[in-house]
Amino acid sequence: MLLKKLTLVTLVAIISGCANNSALEANIASLNTKVDNLTAKVSSLSTKTDSVSTKVNALGAKQDKMSSAIKDTNMAVDKANERIDNMVASYKK
């Protein structure tokens, strides 16, 4: 009698374990799909980030060129003002 009960309990445990395995496999497949989707999204965002980074670097280079041009223009304006001041000073004498 005890042997029959142990055998029955073991059989029930094996059957319920098999039933849970299919549910676990379904959950694992679902999680794998979600991970694949997230990986694709991360790759897409990484590509977009690289594109934005390239654009930011290009804008920085343009800003450096503009800053240099502004400095050159300011120096030319200062020289022109100095010449005008010198011309005015020579007329006042």
N, C-alpha and C. Protein backbone atom coordinates (compact mmCIF):
# COMPACT_ATOMS: atom_id res chain seq x y z
N MET A 1 0.81 -1.19 0.00
CA MET A 1 0.00 0.00 0.00
C MET A 1 0.86 1.26 0.00
N LEU A 2 1.87 1.30 0.84
CA LEU A 2 2.77 2.44 0.91
C LEU A 2 3.52 2.60 -0.41
N LEU A 3 3.89 1.51 -1.01
CA LEU A 3 4.60 1.56 -2.27
C LEU A 3 3.72 2.13 -3.37
N LYS A 4 2.43 1.78 -3.37
CA LYS A 4 1.49 2.30 -4.37
C LYS A 4 1.33 3.82 -4.20
N LYS A 5 1.25 4.27 -2.95
CA LYS A 5 1.11 5.71 -2.69
C LYS A 5 2.35 6.47 -3.13
N LEU A 6 3.52 5.94 -2.85
CA LEU A 6 4.76 6.58 -3.27
C LEU A 6 4.87 6.63 -4.79
N THR A 7 4.47 5.55 -5.43
CA THR A 7 4.51 5.49 -6.89
C THR A 7 3.52 6.50 -7.47
N LEU A 8 2.35 6.58 -6.89
CA LEU A 8 1.34 7.53 -7.36
C LEU A 8 1.81 8.98 -7.17
N VAL A 9 2.38 9.29 -6.02
CA VAL A 9 2.89 10.63 -5.75
C VAL A 9 4.03 10.97 -6.72
N THR A 10 4.88 10.03 -6.96
CA THR A 10 5.99 10.24 -7.90
C THR A 10 5.47 10.48 -9.30
N LEU A 11 4.48 9.70 -9.71
CA LEU A 11 3.89 9.86 -11.05
C LEU A 11 3.23 11.22 -11.19
N VAL A 12 2.51 11.65 -10.19
CA VAL A 12 1.86 12.97 -10.21
C VAL A 12 2.91 14.07 -10.28
N ALA A 13 3.98 13.91 -9.53
CA ALA A 13 5.05 14.92 -9.53
C ALA A 13 5.72 15.00 -10.91
N ILE A 14 5.92 13.86 -11.53
CA ILE A 14 6.55 13.85 -12.86
C ILE A 14 5.63 14.49 -13.88
N ILE A 15 4.34 14.16 -13.83
CA ILE A 15 3.38 14.72 -14.79
C ILE A 15 3.27 16.23 -14.59
N SER A 16 3.17 16.68 -13.36
CA SER A 16 3.06 18.12 -13.12
C SER A 16 4.36 18.83 -13.51
N GLY A 17 5.48 18.16 -13.32
CA GLY A 17 6.76 18.74 -13.73
C GLY A 17 6.84 18.90 -15.23
N CYS A 18 6.34 17.94 -15.97
CA CYS A 18 6.33 18.03 -17.43
C CYS A 18 5.41 19.15 -17.90
N ALA A 19 4.28 19.30 -17.23
CA ALA A 19 3.34 20.36 -17.59
C ALA A 19 3.97 21.73 -17.34
N ASN A 20 4.71 21.86 -16.28
CA ASN A 20 5.36 23.13 -15.97
C ASN A 20 6.49 23.42 -16.94
N ASN A 21 7.15 22.40 -17.44
CA ASN A 21 8.23 22.61 -18.39
C ASN A 21 7.74 23.27 -19.67
N SER A 22 6.58 22.87 -20.16
CA SER A 22 6.07 23.50 -21.38
C SER A 22 5.71 24.96 -21.12
N ALA A 23 5.16 25.25 -19.93
CA ALA A 23 4.85 26.63 -19.58
C ALA A 23 6.15 27.44 -19.44
N LEU A 24 7.16 26.82 -18.84
CA LEU A 24 8.44 27.50 -18.70
C LEU A 24 9.07 27.76 -20.06
N GLU A 25 8.97 26.80 -20.95
CA GLU A 25 9.52 26.98 -22.30
C GLU A 25 8.81 28.12 -23.03
N ALA A 26 7.50 28.21 -22.84
CA ALA A 26 6.75 29.30 -23.46
C ALA A 26 7.18 30.64 -22.88
N ASN A 27 7.37 30.69 -21.57
CA ASN A 27 7.83 31.93 -20.94
C ASN A 27 9.23 32.30 -21.41
N ILE A 28 10.10 31.30 -21.52
CA ILE A 28 11.46 31.56 -21.99
C ILE A 28 11.45 32.05 -23.43
N ALA A 29 10.62 31.46 -24.26
CA ALA A 29 10.52 31.90 -25.66
C ALA A 29 10.01 33.34 -25.72
N SER A 30 9.05 33.65 -24.87
CA SER A 30 8.52 35.02 -24.83
C SER A 30 9.60 36.00 -24.38
N LEU A 31 10.34 35.62 -23.36
CA LEU A 31 11.42 36.49 -22.87
C LEU A 31 12.52 36.65 -23.91
N ASN A 32 12.83 35.57 -24.64
CA ASN A 32 13.84 35.67 -25.70
C ASN A 32 13.40 36.64 -26.79
N THR A 33 12.12 36.60 -27.13
CA THR A 33 11.59 37.53 -28.13
C THR A 33 11.70 38.96 -27.63
N LYS A 34 11.37 39.17 -26.37
CA LYS A 34 11.47 40.53 -25.81
C LYS A 34 12.92 41.00 -25.79
N VAL A 35 13.84 40.12 -25.44
CA VAL A 35 15.26 40.49 -25.43
C VAL A 35 15.73 40.84 -26.84
N ASP A 36 15.30 40.06 -27.82
CA ASP A 36 15.67 40.35 -29.21
C ASP A 36 15.13 41.71 -29.65
N ASN A 37 13.88 42.02 -29.27
CA ASN A 37 13.30 43.33 -29.61
C ASN A 37 14.08 44.46 -28.94
N LEU A 38 14.42 44.28 -27.68
CA LEU A 38 15.19 45.32 -26.97
C LEU A 38 16.58 45.48 -27.58
N THR A 39 17.19 44.38 -27.98
CA THR A 39 18.50 44.45 -28.61
C THR A 39 18.43 45.24 -29.92
N ALA A 40 17.38 45.00 -30.70
CA ALA A 40 17.20 45.74 -31.95
C ALA A 40 17.00 47.23 -31.67
N LYS A 41 16.22 47.54 -30.65
CA LYS A 41 15.99 48.95 -30.31
C LYS A 41 17.27 49.63 -29.84
N VAL A 42 18.05 48.93 -29.05
CA VAL A 42 19.32 49.48 -28.57
C VAL A 42 20.26 49.73 -29.74
N SER A 43 20.30 48.80 -30.68
CA SER A 43 21.14 48.99 -31.86
C SER A 43 20.70 50.19 -32.67
N SER A 44 19.39 50.35 -32.81
CA SER A 44 18.85 51.50 -33.54
C SER A 44 19.22 52.80 -32.83
N LEU A 45 19.05 52.82 -31.51
CA LEU A 45 19.40 54.02 -30.75
C LEU A 45 20.90 54.30 -30.81
N SER A 46 21.69 53.26 -30.82
CA SER A 46 23.14 53.43 -30.91
C SER A 46 23.51 54.07 -32.25
N THR A 47 22.87 53.63 -33.31
CA THR A 47 23.11 54.21 -34.63
C THR A 47 22.71 55.68 -34.65
N LYS A 48 21.55 55.98 -34.08
CA LYS A 48 21.09 57.37 -34.04
C LYS A 48 22.03 58.23 -33.19
N THR A 49 22.49 57.68 -32.08
CA THR A 49 23.42 58.41 -31.21
C THR A 49 24.72 58.71 -31.95
N ASP A 50 25.21 57.73 -32.70
CA ASP A 50 26.43 57.96 -33.47
C ASP A 50 26.22 59.05 -34.51
N SER A 51 25.05 59.06 -35.15
CA SER A 51 24.74 60.08 -36.14
C SER A 51 24.69 61.47 -35.50
N VAL A 52 24.02 61.56 -34.36
CA VAL A 52 23.93 62.85 -33.66
C VAL A 52 25.32 63.29 -33.20
N SER A 53 26.12 62.37 -32.72
CA SER A 53 27.47 62.69 -32.27
C SER A 53 28.31 63.25 -33.41
N THR A 54 28.17 62.64 -34.59
CA THR A 54 28.90 63.13 -35.76
C THR A 54 28.46 64.55 -36.11
N LYS A 55 27.16 64.80 -36.06
CA LYS A 55 26.65 66.14 -36.36
C LYS A 55 27.13 67.16 -35.33
N VAL A 56 27.16 66.77 -34.07
CA VAL A 56 27.63 67.68 -33.02
C VAL A 56 29.11 68.01 -33.23
N ASN A 57 29.90 67.00 -33.59
CA ASN A 57 31.32 67.25 -33.86
C ASN A 57 31.50 68.18 -35.05
N ALA A 58 30.68 68.00 -36.08
CA ALA A 58 30.76 68.88 -37.25
C ALA A 58 30.39 70.31 -36.87
N LEU A 59 29.35 70.46 -36.05
CA LEU A 59 28.96 71.80 -35.60
C LEU A 59 30.05 72.43 -34.75
N GLY A 60 30.71 71.64 -33.93
CA GLY A 60 31.82 72.16 -33.12
C GLY A 60 32.95 72.66 -33.99
N ALA A 61 33.26 71.92 -35.06
CA ALA A 61 34.32 72.36 -35.97
C ALA A 61 33.92 73.66 -36.67
N LYS A 62 32.65 73.76 -37.08
CA LYS A 62 32.17 75.00 -37.71
C LYS A 62 32.23 76.16 -36.72
N GLN A 63 31.89 75.89 -35.47
CA GLN A 63 31.94 76.94 -34.45
C GLN A 63 33.37 77.42 -34.25
N ASP A 64 34.31 76.49 -34.25
CA ASP A 64 35.72 76.88 -34.11
C ASP A 64 36.15 77.77 -35.27
N LYS A 65 35.74 77.42 -36.49
CA LYS A 65 36.08 78.24 -37.67
C LYS A 65 35.45 79.63 -37.56
N MET A 66 34.18 79.66 -37.10
CA MET A 66 33.51 80.95 -36.97
C MET A 66 34.17 81.80 -35.88
N SER A 67 34.58 81.19 -34.80
CA SER A 67 35.26 81.92 -33.74
C SER A 67 36.57 82.51 -34.25
N SER A 68 37.29 81.74 -35.03
CA SER A 68 38.53 82.22 -35.61
C SER A 68 38.26 83.39 -36.57
N ALA A 69 37.22 83.25 -37.39
CA ALA A 69 36.87 84.33 -38.32
C ALA A 69 36.45 85.59 -37.56
N ILE A 70 35.72 85.43 -36.48
CA ILE A 70 35.30 86.58 -35.68
C ILE A 70 36.51 87.26 -35.05
N LYS A 71 37.46 86.48 -34.55
CA LYS A 71 38.67 87.07 -33.99
C LYS A 71 39.44 87.85 -35.06
N ASP A 72 39.56 87.26 -36.25
CA ASP A 72 40.26 87.95 -37.33
C ASP A 72 39.55 89.25 -37.71
N THR A 73 38.22 89.20 -37.74
CA THR A 73 37.44 90.40 -38.07
C THR A 73 37.61 91.46 -36.99
N ASN A 74 37.59 91.06 -35.74
CA ASN A 74 37.78 92.01 -34.65
C ASN A 74 39.16 92.66 -34.71
N MET A 75 40.18 91.86 -35.06
CA MET A 75 41.53 92.42 -35.20
C MET A 75 41.57 93.43 -36.35
N ALA A 76 40.90 93.11 -37.46
CA ALA A 76 40.88 94.03 -38.59
C ALA A 76 40.14 95.32 -38.22
N VAL A 77 39.06 95.20 -37.47
CA VAL A 77 38.30 96.38 -37.03
C VAL A 77 39.16 97.23 -36.10
N ASP A 78 39.87 96.59 -35.19
CA ASP A 78 40.74 97.33 -34.28
C ASP A 78 41.83 98.08 -35.05
N LYS A 79 42.40 97.43 -36.05
CA LYS A 79 43.43 98.09 -36.85
C LYS A 79 42.84 99.26 -37.63
N ALA A 80 41.65 99.07 -38.17
CA ALA A 80 41.01 100.16 -38.91
C ALA A 80 40.70 101.33 -37.97
N ASN A 81 40.21 101.03 -36.78
CA ASN A 81 39.93 102.09 -35.81
C ASN A 81 41.21 102.82 -35.42
N GLU A 82 42.29 102.08 -35.26
CA GLU A 82 43.56 102.69 -34.91
C GLU A 82 44.04 103.62 -36.04
N ARG A 83 43.89 103.19 -37.27
CA ARG A 83 44.28 104.04 -38.42
C ARG A 83 43.45 105.31 -38.46
N ILE A 84 42.14 105.13 -38.22
CA ILE A 84 41.26 106.31 -38.24
C ILE A 84 41.65 107.25 -37.11
N ASP A 85 41.94 106.70 -35.93
CA ASP A 85 42.35 107.54 -34.80
C ASP A 85 43.65 108.27 -35.13
N ASN A 86 44.58 107.59 -35.80
CA ASN A 86 45.84 108.22 -36.18
C ASN A 86 45.60 109.34 -37.20
N MET A 87 44.69 109.10 -38.15
CA MET A 87 44.40 110.13 -39.16
C MET A 87 43.76 111.35 -38.50
N VAL A 88 42.83 111.10 -37.57
CA VAL A 88 42.16 112.20 -36.88
C VAL A 88 43.18 112.97 -36.05
N ALA A 89 44.07 112.28 -35.39
CA ALA A 89 45.08 112.93 -34.56
C ALA A 89 46.00 113.79 -35.43
N SER A 90 46.33 113.35 -36.61
CA SER A 90 47.22 114.12 -37.47
C SER A 90 46.53 115.37 -38.00
N TYR A 91 45.21 115.35 -38.20
CA TYR A 91 44.48 116.54 -38.64
C TYR A 91 44.32 117.55 -37.53
N LYS A 92 44.26 117.09 -36.28
CA LYS A 92 44.10 118.01 -35.18
C LYS A 92 45.37 118.80 -34.92
N LYS A 93 46.51 118.26 -35.26
CA LYS A 93 47.77 118.94 -34.99
C LYS A 93 47.91 120.10 -35.85
